[in-house]
Amino acid sequence: MFYEKSAWKKQKNCGTSSLLPMTPTKPQEWLQVVGHAGSFRVGDCGTLLKKFCEEERQCYLRLMGDTLRPFVPAYHGVVQRDEQNYNMMDNLLTHFNSPAIMDCKMGSRTYIEEELFWARERPKPRKDMYEKMVAVDPEAPTPQEREQQAVLKTRYMQWRESLSSTTTLGFRIEGFRRSNEECHTNFKRTKSRDQVMEALDSFVESNSHIVWGYLRRLKQLRQVLELSDFFRAHEVVGSSLLFVHDWTGRTGVWMIDFGKTRALPPHLTLDHRSPWVEGNREDGYLWGLDNLIDILTKMLPVTCHP
């Protein structure tokens, strides 16, 4: 997830679901909050370049013809910069003034089933993930992992999810940045409903109008997801919801990150709420969205419920 320190001028009559390319008045400075370093570049005319991923390209091509199109960044194809291919899409921050942004990883797991198979067939213990594990909990590694000073990627991901609200609520906060440029990314142990509510309240700075705007958008998204042909036929894993708001009260929420989204076999569809059992491909996306909507609703005074 990225934010920009930009000089976008305030535009009139610009809704968050209609992001039109604009020309910045001066170069933009991007700072990464959550995600892989070097994955993004600023494009021309209000676009964002993300390092090329064929699976993500296929998803965006299908999404451009799906009912979910208003809830994802518009996709503009593949471009090359410095001998590197990128997927080009709309910069979702274009029509916001000094925006606050938050990345919520959706679903009850963040690894695809094939990763479990690959880990069993070709195990590759990772030293970097072992170091991340012991930095959070020195007692977490098994004796064998401690001896190897390394852990399998799937083991690390499953362990990390057990600490967070991914397993208890079907989503987790990856990080957020307030409009005053204050960044928060320490949510690895944010697990309970009350802890998540406290973090969300900090992000919106107890502003009921912002919460109401997010709730309205999330309820619209849920309604469209339940009717979407794309969503019904895909396992959506490792995808995030990007939340954006600014001091004017404008809010927006979009689905992003489809590098791990996979098309299902023709005979299989998902309800996205059932518990995952290896082989059923369920991702828990709607379960997480239900819980997110419920928590935001409880953050509002009763008289403000949408």
C-alpha atoms as a PDB file:
ATOM      1  CA  MET A   1       0.000   0.000   0.000  1.00  0.00           C
ATOM      2  CA  PHE A   2       1.274   3.458  -0.876  1.00  0.00           C
ATOM      3  CA  TYR A   3       0.345   7.025  -0.179  1.00  0.00           C
ATOM      4  CA  GLU A   4       1.318  10.140  -2.033  1.00  0.00           C
ATOM      5  CA  LYS A   5       2.258  13.610  -0.946  1.00  0.00           C
ATOM      6  CA  SER A   6       0.727  15.351  -3.919  1.00  0.00           C
ATOM      7  CA  ALA A   7      -0.372  18.664  -5.284  1.00  0.00           C
ATOM      8  CA  TRP A   8      -3.675  17.475  -6.702  1.00  0.00           C
ATOM      9  CA  LYS A   9      -5.987  20.468  -6.746  1.00  0.00           C
ATOM     10  CA  LYS A  10      -9.469  20.084  -5.364  1.00  0.00           C
ATOM     11  CA  GLN A  11     -11.913  19.221  -8.123  1.00  0.00           C
ATOM     12  CA  LYS A  12     -15.617  19.912  -7.996  1.00  0.00           C
ATOM     13  CA  ASN A  13     -18.192  17.209  -8.707  1.00  0.00           C
ATOM     14  CA  CYS A  14     -15.625  14.403  -8.502  1.00  0.00           C
ATOM     15  CA  GLY A  15     -17.122  11.300  -6.848  1.00  0.00           C
ATOM     16  CA  THR A  16     -14.826   8.625  -5.470  1.00  0.00           C
ATOM     17  CA  SER A  17     -16.177   5.987  -7.850  1.00  0.00           C
ATOM     18  CA  SER A  18     -15.332   8.077 -10.937  1.00  0.00           C
ATOM     19  CA  LEU A  19     -11.594   8.665 -10.961  1.00  0.00           C
ATOM     20  CA  LEU A  20     -10.514  10.621 -14.020  1.00  0.00           C
ATOM     21  CA  PRO A  21      -6.853  11.047 -15.015  1.00  0.00           C
ATOM     22  CA  MET A  22      -5.398  14.387 -14.006  1.00  0.00           C
ATOM     23  CA  THR A  23      -2.045  16.084 -14.400  1.00  0.00           C
ATOM     24  CA  PRO A  24      -0.263  16.913 -11.137  1.00  0.00           C
ATOM     25  CA  THR A  25       1.072  20.433 -10.672  1.00  0.00           C
ATOM     26  CA  LYS A  26       4.387  19.098  -9.389  1.00  0.00           C
ATOM     27  CA  PRO A  27       6.124  15.728  -9.050  1.00  0.00           C
ATOM     28  CA  GLN A  28       4.587  13.345  -6.541  1.00  0.00           C
ATOM     29  CA  GLU A  29       6.482  11.692  -3.752  1.00  0.00           C
ATOM     30  CA  TRP A  30       5.378   8.143  -2.934  1.00  0.00           C
ATOM     31  CA  LEU A  31       6.106   6.485   0.354  1.00  0.00           C
ATOM     32  CA  GLN A  32       5.387   2.819   0.988  1.00  0.00           C
ATOM     33  CA  VAL A  33       3.362   1.933   4.067  1.00  0.00           C
ATOM     34  CA  VAL A  34       2.598  -1.766   3.493  1.00  0.00           C
ATOM     35  CA  GLY A  35       3.746  -4.052   0.688  1.00  0.00           C
ATOM     36  CA  HIS A  36       6.812  -5.096  -1.252  1.00  0.00           C
ATOM     37  CA  ALA A  37       9.458  -2.468  -1.884  1.00  0.00           C
ATOM     38  CA  GLY A  38       9.917  -1.555  -5.516  1.00  0.00           C
ATOM     39  CA  SER A  39       6.567  -2.924  -6.681  1.00  0.00           C
ATOM     40  CA  PHE A  40       5.050   0.441  -7.644  1.00  0.00           C
ATOM     41  CA  ARG A  41       5.866   3.482  -9.739  1.00  0.00           C
ATOM     42  CA  VAL A  42       3.950   6.664 -10.419  1.00  0.00           C
ATOM     43  CA  GLY A  43       2.557   6.669 -13.955  1.00  0.00           C
ATOM     44  CA  ASP A  44       1.491   9.528 -16.201  1.00  0.00           C
ATOM     45  CA  CYS A  45      -1.878  11.310 -16.103  1.00  0.00           C
ATOM     46  CA  GLY A  46      -3.139  10.002 -12.793  1.00  0.00           C
ATOM     47  CA  THR A  47      -2.058   6.373 -13.180  1.00  0.00           C
ATOM     48  CA  LEU A  48      -0.162   3.931 -11.005  1.00  0.00           C
ATOM     49  CA  LEU A  49       2.241   1.270 -12.297  1.00  0.00           C
ATOM     50  CA  LYS A  50       2.443  -2.034 -10.438  1.00  0.00           C
ATOM     51  CA  LYS A  51       5.124  -4.609 -11.224  1.00  0.00           C
ATOM     52  CA  PHE A  52       3.711  -7.036 -13.779  1.00  0.00           C
ATOM     53  CA  CYS A  53       1.909 -10.162 -12.622  1.00  0.00           C
ATOM     54  CA  GLU A  54       0.095 -12.250 -15.240  1.00  0.00           C
ATOM     55  CA  GLU A  55      -2.494 -13.548 -12.762  1.00  0.00           C
ATOM     56  CA  GLU A  56      -3.334 -10.006 -11.742  1.00  0.00           C
ATOM     57  CA  ARG A  57      -3.557  -8.874 -15.378  1.00  0.00           C
ATOM     58  CA  GLN A  58      -6.039 -11.665 -16.117  1.00  0.00           C
ATOM     59  CA  CYS A  59      -8.138 -10.674 -13.121  1.00  0.00           C
ATOM     60  CA  TYR A  60      -8.270  -7.013 -14.105  1.00  0.00           C
ATOM     61  CA  LEU A  61      -9.215  -7.870 -17.693  1.00  0.00           C
ATOM     62  CA  ARG A  62     -12.158  -9.912 -16.415  1.00  0.00           C
ATOM     63  CA  LEU A  63     -13.099  -7.359 -13.773  1.00  0.00           C
ATOM     64  CA  MET A  64     -13.365  -4.588 -16.368  1.00  0.00           C
ATOM     65  CA  GLY A  65     -16.380  -6.453 -17.778  1.00  0.00           C
ATOM     66  CA  ASP A  66     -17.892  -7.440 -14.432  1.00  0.00           C
ATOM     67  CA  THR A  67     -20.369  -5.733 -12.118  1.00  0.00           C
ATOM     68  CA  LEU A  68     -17.417  -5.177  -9.743  1.00  0.00           C
ATOM     69  CA  ARG A  69     -15.781  -2.678 -12.092  1.00  0.00           C
ATOM     70  CA  PRO A  70     -16.741   0.416  -9.991  1.00  0.00           C
ATOM     71  CA  PHE A  71     -15.073  -1.200  -6.980  1.00  0.00           C
ATOM     72  CA  VAL A  72     -11.620  -1.804  -8.494  1.00  0.00           C
ATOM     73  CA  PRO A  73      -9.110   0.591 -10.076  1.00  0.00           C
ATOM     74  CA  ALA A  74      -9.647   1.009 -13.809  1.00  0.00           C
ATOM     75  CA  TYR A  75      -7.103  -1.074 -15.722  1.00  0.00           C
ATOM     76  CA  HIS A  76      -5.162   0.313 -18.687  1.00  0.00           C
ATOM     77  CA  GLY A  77      -2.996  -2.608 -19.807  1.00  0.00           C
ATOM     78  CA  VAL A  78       0.718  -3.378 -19.697  1.00  0.00           C
ATOM     79  CA  VAL A  79       3.492  -0.793 -20.079  1.00  0.00           C
ATOM     80  CA  GLN A  80       7.273  -1.063 -19.912  1.00  0.00           C
ATOM     81  CA  ARG A  81       9.612   1.180 -17.951  1.00  0.00           C
ATOM     82  CA  ASP A  82      13.363   0.569 -17.748  1.00  0.00           C
ATOM     83  CA  GLU A  83      12.952  -2.911 -19.242  1.00  0.00           C
ATOM     84  CA  GLN A  84      10.408  -3.856 -16.548  1.00  0.00           C
ATOM     85  CA  ASN A  85       6.758  -4.585 -17.361  1.00  0.00           C
ATOM     86  CA  TYR A  86       4.033  -3.045 -15.241  1.00  0.00           C
ATOM     87  CA  ASN A  87       0.264  -3.322 -14.996  1.00  0.00           C
ATOM     88  CA  MET A  88      -1.096   0.219 -15.361  1.00  0.00           C
ATOM     89  CA  MET A  89      -4.191   1.267 -13.421  1.00  0.00           C
ATOM     90  CA  ASP A  90      -5.848   4.355 -12.038  1.00  0.00           C
ATOM     91  CA  ASN A  91      -4.254   6.124  -9.101  1.00  0.00           C
ATOM     92  CA  LEU A  92      -7.095   5.885  -6.586  1.00  0.00           C
ATOM     93  CA  LEU A  93      -5.863   8.874  -4.579  1.00  0.00           C
ATOM     94  CA  THR A  94      -6.286  11.321  -7.447  1.00  0.00           C
ATOM     95  CA  HIS A  95      -9.358  13.152  -6.154  1.00  0.00           C
ATOM     96  CA  PHE A  96      -8.430  13.299  -2.476  1.00  0.00           C
ATOM     97  CA  ASN A  97      -6.719  16.100  -0.585  1.00  0.00           C
ATOM     98  CA  SER A  98      -3.996  14.908   1.834  1.00  0.00           C
ATOM     99  CA  PRO A  99      -5.748  11.549   2.121  1.00  0.00           C
ATOM    100  CA  ALA A 100      -5.752   9.118   4.997  1.00  0.00           C
ATOM    101  CA  ILE A 101      -5.428   5.548   3.735  1.00  0.00           C
ATOM    102  CA  MET A 102      -5.785   2.055   5.193  1.00  0.00           C
ATOM    103  CA  ASP A 103      -5.088  -1.438   3.840  1.00  0.00           C
ATOM    104  CA  CYS A 104      -7.273  -4.292   5.143  1.00  0.00           C
ATOM    105  CA  LYS A 105      -6.284  -7.802   4.051  1.00  0.00           C
ATOM    106  CA  MET A 106      -9.505  -9.705   3.425  1.00  0.00           C
ATOM    107  CA  GLY A 107     -10.327 -13.377   3.956  1.00  0.00           C
ATOM    108  CA  SER A 108      -9.667 -16.178   6.414  1.00  0.00           C
ATOM    109  CA  ARG A 109      -6.293 -17.083   4.872  1.00  0.00           C
ATOM    110  CA  THR A 110      -3.602 -15.347   2.836  1.00  0.00           C
ATOM    111  CA  TYR A 111      -2.109 -18.339   1.014  1.00  0.00           C
ATOM    112  CA  ILE A 112      -3.526 -20.302  -1.900  1.00  0.00           C
ATOM    113  CA  GLU A 113      -3.986 -24.056  -1.661  1.00  0.00           C
ATOM    114  CA  GLU A 114      -1.280 -24.638  -4.252  1.00  0.00           C
ATOM    115  CA  GLU A 115       1.240 -23.092  -1.857  1.00  0.00           C
ATOM    116  CA  LEU A 116       0.563 -25.882   0.629  1.00  0.00           C
ATOM    117  CA  PHE A 117       1.149 -28.455  -2.090  1.00  0.00           C
ATOM    118  CA  TRP A 118       4.371 -26.786  -3.214  1.00  0.00           C
ATOM    119  CA  ALA A 119       5.599 -26.561   0.384  1.00  0.00           C
ATOM    120  CA  ARG A 120       5.126 -30.304   0.820  1.00  0.00           C
ATOM    121  CA  GLU A 121       6.605 -31.231  -2.554  1.00  0.00           C
ATOM    122  CA  ARG A 122       9.492 -28.761  -2.594  1.00  0.00           C
ATOM    123  CA  PRO A 123      10.067 -27.490   0.936  1.00  0.00           C
ATOM    124  CA  LYS A 124      12.256 -24.386   1.072  1.00  0.00           C
ATOM    125  CA  PRO A 125      12.788 -23.180   4.652  1.00  0.00           C
ATOM    126  CA  ARG A 126      13.162 -19.389   4.809  1.00  0.00           C
ATOM    127  CA  LYS A 127      15.682 -17.738   7.123  1.00  0.00           C
ATOM    128  CA  ASP A 128      14.111 -14.284   6.690  1.00  0.00           C
ATOM    129  CA  MET A 129      10.708 -15.521   7.834  1.00  0.00           C
ATOM    130  CA  TYR A 130      12.259 -17.301  10.805  1.00  0.00           C
ATOM    131  CA  GLU A 131      13.803 -14.004  11.854  1.00  0.00           C
ATOM    132  CA  LYS A 132      10.467 -12.232  11.515  1.00  0.00           C
ATOM    133  CA  MET A 133       8.821 -14.934  13.622  1.00  0.00           C
ATOM    134  CA  VAL A 134      11.283 -14.780  16.517  1.00  0.00           C
ATOM    135  CA  ALA A 135      11.172 -10.980  16.452  1.00  0.00           C
ATOM    136  CA  VAL A 136       7.485 -11.212  17.349  1.00  0.00           C
ATOM    137  CA  ASP A 137       7.612 -14.333  19.553  1.00  0.00           C
ATOM    138  CA  PRO A 138      10.957 -16.016  20.379  1.00  0.00           C
ATOM    139  CA  GLU A 139       9.072 -19.106  21.606  1.00  0.00           C
ATOM    140  CA  ALA A 140       7.089 -19.629  18.381  1.00  0.00           C
ATOM    141  CA  PRO A 141       9.564 -21.779  16.375  1.00  0.00           C
ATOM    142  CA  THR A 142       9.581 -25.547  16.842  1.00  0.00           C
ATOM    143  CA  PRO A 143      12.822 -27.242  17.950  1.00  0.00           C
ATOM    144  CA  GLN A 144      13.444 -28.300  14.329  1.00  0.00           C
ATOM    145  CA  GLU A 145      12.858 -24.766  13.040  1.00  0.00           C
ATOM    146  CA  ARG A 146      15.150 -23.387  15.724  1.00  0.00           C
ATOM    147  CA  GLU A 147      17.843 -25.845  14.705  1.00  0.00           C
ATOM    148  CA  GLN A 148      17.467 -24.891  11.033  1.00  0.00           C
ATOM    149  CA  GLN A 149      17.065 -21.196  11.841  1.00  0.00           C
ATOM    150  CA  ALA A 150      14.415 -21.209   9.100  1.00  0.00           C
ATOM    151  CA  VAL A 151      10.682 -21.842   8.567  1.00  0.00           C
ATOM    152  CA  LEU A 152       8.523 -22.732   5.574  1.00  0.00           C
ATOM    153  CA  LYS A 153       6.600 -19.846   4.049  1.00  0.00           C
ATOM    154  CA  THR A 154       3.220 -21.511   4.614  1.00  0.00           C
ATOM    155  CA  ARG A 155       4.112 -22.287   8.223  1.00  0.00           C
ATOM    156  CA  TYR A 156       5.059 -18.639   8.764  1.00  0.00           C
ATOM    157  CA  MET A 157       1.865 -17.373   7.122  1.00  0.00           C
ATOM    158  CA  GLN A 158      -0.354 -19.735   9.109  1.00  0.00           C
ATOM    159  CA  TRP A 159       1.420 -18.747  12.310  1.00  0.00           C
ATOM    160  CA  ARG A 160       1.088 -15.058  11.542  1.00  0.00           C
ATOM    161  CA  GLU A 161      -2.606 -15.434  10.797  1.00  0.00           C
ATOM    162  CA  SER A 162      -3.141 -17.221  14.121  1.00  0.00           C
ATOM    163  CA  LEU A 163      -1.961 -14.057  15.888  1.00  0.00           C
ATOM    164  CA  SER A 164      -4.204 -11.679  13.975  1.00  0.00           C
ATOM    165  CA  SER A 165      -7.898 -11.116  13.274  1.00  0.00           C
ATOM    166  CA  THR A 166      -7.567 -13.047   9.990  1.00  0.00           C
ATOM    167  CA  THR A 167      -8.509 -16.230  11.845  1.00  0.00           C
ATOM    168  CA  THR A 168     -11.053 -14.664  14.226  1.00  0.00           C
ATOM    169  CA  LEU A 169     -12.807 -12.144  11.954  1.00  0.00           C
ATOM    170  CA  GLY A 170     -11.845 -12.929   8.349  1.00  0.00           C
ATOM    171  CA  PHE A 171      -9.809  -9.740   7.797  1.00  0.00           C
ATOM    172  CA  ARG A 172      -6.893  -7.898   9.327  1.00  0.00           C
ATOM    173  CA  ILE A 173      -5.569  -4.358   9.274  1.00  0.00           C
ATOM    174  CA  GLU A 174      -2.233  -4.296   7.473  1.00  0.00           C
ATOM    175  CA  GLY A 175      -1.533  -0.658   8.186  1.00  0.00           C
ATOM    176  CA  PHE A 176      -2.839   2.870   7.867  1.00  0.00           C
ATOM    177  CA  ARG A 177      -1.622   6.399   7.440  1.00  0.00           C
ATOM    178  CA  ARG A 178      -3.503   9.384   8.789  1.00  0.00           C
ATOM    179  CA  SER A 179      -3.761  12.613   6.851  1.00  0.00           C
ATOM    180  CA  ASN A 180      -1.103  14.144   9.136  1.00  0.00           C
ATOM    181  CA  GLU A 181       1.341  11.580   7.670  1.00  0.00           C
ATOM    182  CA  GLU A 182       1.389   9.511  10.863  1.00  0.00           C
ATOM    183  CA  CYS A 183       1.834   5.832   9.904  1.00  0.00           C
ATOM    184  CA  HIS A 184       0.728   2.799  11.890  1.00  0.00           C
ATOM    185  CA  THR A 185       1.705  -0.727  10.864  1.00  0.00           C
ATOM    186  CA  ASN A 186       2.007  -2.628  14.136  1.00  0.00           C
ATOM    187  CA  PHE A 187      -1.142  -4.740  13.936  1.00  0.00           C
ATOM    188  CA  LYS A 188       0.355  -8.249  13.954  1.00  0.00           C
ATOM    189  CA  ARG A 189      -1.345  -9.011  17.285  1.00  0.00           C
ATOM    190  CA  THR A 190      -4.566  -7.081  16.695  1.00  0.00           C
ATOM    191  CA  LYS A 191      -6.950 -10.011  16.999  1.00  0.00           C
ATOM    192  CA  SER A 192     -10.082  -9.361  19.048  1.00  0.00           C
ATOM    193  CA  ARG A 193     -13.139  -7.445  17.890  1.00  0.00           C
ATOM    194  CA  ASP A 194     -12.497  -4.747  20.496  1.00  0.00           C
ATOM    195  CA  GLN A 195      -8.866  -4.343  19.413  1.00  0.00           C
ATOM    196  CA  VAL A 196      -9.893  -4.005  15.773  1.00  0.00           C
ATOM    197  CA  MET A 197     -12.590  -1.482  16.655  1.00  0.00           C
ATOM    198  CA  GLU A 198     -10.066   0.580  18.592  1.00  0.00           C
ATOM    199  CA  ALA A 199      -7.682   0.574  15.616  1.00  0.00           C
ATOM    200  CA  LEU A 200     -10.429   1.547  13.169  1.00  0.00           C
ATOM    201  CA  ASP A 201     -11.568   4.361  15.458  1.00  0.00           C
ATOM    202  CA  SER A 202      -7.995   5.639  15.539  1.00  0.00           C
ATOM    203  CA  PHE A 203      -7.853   5.592  11.736  1.00  0.00           C
ATOM    204  CA  VAL A 204     -11.062   7.609  11.301  1.00  0.00           C
ATOM    205  CA  GLU A 205     -10.220   9.759  14.339  1.00  0.00           C
ATOM    206  CA  SER A 206     -13.667   9.086  15.827  1.00  0.00           C
ATOM    207  CA  ASN A 207     -15.386  10.819  12.913  1.00  0.00           C
ATOM    208  CA  SER A 208     -18.882   9.340  12.519  1.00  0.00           C
ATOM    209  CA  HIS A 209     -19.359  10.965   9.110  1.00  0.00           C
ATOM    210  CA  ILE A 210     -16.310   9.112   7.758  1.00  0.00           C
ATOM    211  CA  VAL A 211     -17.507   5.827   9.286  1.00  0.00           C
ATOM    212  CA  TRP A 212     -20.932   6.318   7.711  1.00  0.00           C
ATOM    213  CA  GLY A 213     -19.347   6.936   4.312  1.00  0.00           C
ATOM    214  CA  TYR A 214     -17.278   3.763   4.550  1.00  0.00           C
ATOM    215  CA  LEU A 215     -20.267   1.728   5.692  1.00  0.00           C
ATOM    216  CA  ARG A 216     -22.399   2.855   2.789  1.00  0.00           C
ATOM    217  CA  ARG A 217     -19.669   1.910   0.314  1.00  0.00           C
ATOM    218  CA  LEU A 218     -19.000  -1.478   1.970  1.00  0.00           C
ATOM    219  CA  LYS A 219     -22.681  -2.395   1.922  1.00  0.00           C
ATOM    220  CA  GLN A 220     -22.845  -1.514  -1.762  1.00  0.00           C
ATOM    221  CA  LEU A 221     -19.748  -3.662  -2.351  1.00  0.00           C
ATOM    222  CA  ARG A 222     -21.233  -6.620  -0.486  1.00  0.00           C
ATOM    223  CA  GLN A 223     -24.409  -6.435  -2.546  1.00  0.00           C
ATOM    224  CA  VAL A 224     -22.433  -6.405  -5.795  1.00  0.00           C
ATOM    225  CA  LEU A 225     -20.084  -9.192  -4.659  1.00  0.00           C
ATOM    226  CA  GLU A 226     -23.017 -11.498  -4.009  1.00  0.00           C
ATOM    227  CA  LEU A 227     -24.171 -11.005  -7.616  1.00  0.00           C
ATOM    228  CA  SER A 228     -20.773 -10.907  -9.321  1.00  0.00           C
ATOM    229  CA  ASP A 229     -19.953 -13.626 -11.853  1.00  0.00           C
ATOM    230  CA  PHE A 230     -16.247 -12.981 -11.303  1.00  0.00           C
ATOM    231  CA  PHE A 231     -16.467 -13.324  -7.531  1.00  0.00           C
ATOM    232  CA  ARG A 232     -18.549 -16.490  -7.694  1.00  0.00           C
ATOM    233  CA  ALA A 233     -15.970 -18.181  -9.911  1.00  0.00           C
ATOM    234  CA  HIS A 234     -12.734 -17.093  -8.187  1.00  0.00           C
ATOM    235  CA  GLU A 235     -10.806 -17.910  -5.049  1.00  0.00           C
ATOM    236  CA  VAL A 236      -9.873 -14.439  -3.762  1.00  0.00           C
ATOM    237  CA  VAL A 237      -6.848 -14.757  -1.485  1.00  0.00           C
ATOM    238  CA  GLY A 238      -4.406 -12.098  -0.308  1.00  0.00           C
ATOM    239  CA  SER A 239      -6.580  -9.314  -1.698  1.00  0.00           C
ATOM    240  CA  SER A 240      -7.071  -6.076   0.210  1.00  0.00           C
ATOM    241  CA  LEU A 241      -9.642  -3.363   0.609  1.00  0.00           C
ATOM    242  CA  LEU A 242      -8.109   0.101   0.248  1.00  0.00           C
ATOM    243  CA  PHE A 243      -9.862   2.730   2.383  1.00  0.00           C
ATOM    244  CA  VAL A 244      -9.322   6.419   1.565  1.00  0.00           C
ATOM    245  CA  HIS A 245     -10.777   9.574   3.095  1.00  0.00           C
ATOM    246  CA  ASP A 246      -9.780  13.210   3.447  1.00  0.00           C
ATOM    247  CA  TRP A 247     -10.649  16.334   5.424  1.00  0.00           C
ATOM    248  CA  THR A 248     -13.515  17.201   3.078  1.00  0.00           C
ATOM    249  CA  GLY A 249     -15.381  14.075   4.232  1.00  0.00           C
ATOM    250  CA  ARG A 250     -14.971  12.299   0.895  1.00  0.00           C
ATOM    251  CA  THR A 251     -14.557   8.517   1.323  1.00  0.00           C
ATOM    252  CA  GLY A 252     -13.805   5.605  -0.971  1.00  0.00           C
ATOM    253  CA  VAL A 253     -13.180   1.857  -0.725  1.00  0.00           C
ATOM    254  CA  TRP A 254     -11.757  -0.347  -3.488  1.00  0.00           C
ATOM    255  CA  MET A 255     -10.660  -3.933  -3.938  1.00  0.00           C
ATOM    256  CA  ILE A 256      -6.954  -4.189  -4.788  1.00  0.00           C
ATOM    257  CA  ASP A 257      -4.208  -6.836  -5.056  1.00  0.00           C
ATOM    258  CA  PHE A 258      -5.265  -9.818  -7.151  1.00  0.00           C
ATOM    259  CA  GLY A 259      -1.928 -11.581  -7.566  1.00  0.00           C
ATOM    260  CA  LYS A 260      -3.164 -14.632  -5.634  1.00  0.00           C
ATOM    261  CA  THR A 261      -6.707 -14.669  -6.996  1.00  0.00           C
ATOM    262  CA  ARG A 262      -7.354 -17.868  -8.925  1.00  0.00           C
ATOM    263  CA  ALA A 263     -10.159 -18.990 -11.258  1.00  0.00           C
ATOM    264  CA  LEU A 264     -12.029 -22.037  -9.947  1.00  0.00           C
ATOM    265  CA  PRO A 265     -12.615 -25.280 -11.855  1.00  0.00           C
ATOM    266  CA  PRO A 266     -15.836 -24.997 -13.928  1.00  0.00           C
ATOM    267  CA  HIS A 267     -17.808 -27.276 -11.604  1.00  0.00           C
ATOM    268  CA  LEU A 268     -16.962 -25.310  -8.431  1.00  0.00           C
ATOM    269  CA  THR A 269     -18.398 -22.104  -6.955  1.00  0.00           C
ATOM    270  CA  LEU A 270     -17.787 -20.540  -3.542  1.00  0.00           C
ATOM    271  CA  ASP A 271     -20.056 -18.834  -1.029  1.00  0.00           C
ATOM    272  CA  HIS A 272     -17.016 -17.033   0.494  1.00  0.00           C
ATOM    273  CA  ARG A 273     -18.427 -17.475   4.003  1.00  0.00           C
ATOM    274  CA  SER A 274     -17.973 -21.178   4.774  1.00  0.00           C
ATOM    275  CA  PRO A 275     -14.968 -22.238   6.864  1.00  0.00           C
ATOM    276  CA  TRP A 276     -11.952 -23.282   4.829  1.00  0.00           C
ATOM    277  CA  VAL A 277     -11.019 -26.956   4.691  1.00  0.00           C
ATOM    278  CA  GLU A 278      -8.172 -27.878   2.393  1.00  0.00           C
ATOM    279  CA  GLY A 279      -9.702 -28.752  -0.948  1.00  0.00           C
ATOM    280  CA  ASN A 280     -12.891 -26.673  -0.713  1.00  0.00           C
ATOM    281  CA  ARG A 281     -11.104 -23.436  -1.836  1.00  0.00           C
ATOM    282  CA  GLU A 282     -13.267 -21.256   0.442  1.00  0.00           C
ATOM    283  CA  ASP A 283     -11.562 -17.952   1.223  1.00  0.00           C
ATOM    284  CA  GLY A 284     -13.827 -16.357   3.863  1.00  0.00           C
ATOM    285  CA  TYR A 285     -13.956 -13.022   2.014  1.00  0.00           C
ATOM    286  CA  LEU A 286     -17.645 -12.316   2.658  1.00  0.00           C
ATOM    287  CA  TRP A 287     -17.350 -13.592   6.238  1.00  0.00           C
ATOM    288  CA  GLY A 288     -14.667 -10.983   6.780  1.00  0.00           C
ATOM    289  CA  LEU A 289     -16.662  -8.276   5.042  1.00  0.00           C
ATOM    290  CA  ASP A 290     -19.710  -9.104   7.198  1.00  0.00           C
ATOM    291  CA  ASN A 291     -17.611  -8.718  10.345  1.00  0.00           C
ATOM    292  CA  LEU A 292     -16.025  -5.489   9.118  1.00  0.00           C
ATOM    293  CA  ILE A 293     -19.439  -3.989   8.370  1.00  0.00           C
ATOM    294  CA  ASP A 294     -20.737  -5.116  11.775  1.00  0.00           C
ATOM    295  CA  ILE A 295     -17.795  -3.531  13.620  1.00  0.00           C
ATOM    296  CA  LEU A 296     -18.104  -0.217  11.771  1.00  0.00           C
ATOM    297  CA  THR A 297     -21.849  -0.194  12.415  1.00  0.00           C
ATOM    298  CA  LYS A 298     -21.249  -0.580  16.156  1.00  0.00           C
ATOM    299  CA  MET A 299     -18.865   2.395  16.031  1.00  0.00           C
ATOM    300  CA  LEU A 300     -21.728   4.698  15.059  1.00  0.00           C
ATOM    301  CA  PRO A 301     -24.221   6.303  17.402  1.00  0.00           C
ATOM    302  CA  VAL A 302     -27.590   4.589  16.987  1.00  0.00           C
ATOM    303  CA  THR A 303     -29.082   7.708  15.382  1.00  0.00           C
ATOM    304  CA  CYS A 304     -26.374   7.653  12.674  1.00  0.00           C
ATOM    305  CA  HIS A 305     -26.815   4.076  11.442  1.00  0.00           C
ATOM    306  CA  PRO A 306     -27.143   4.032   7.643  1.00  0.00           C
END
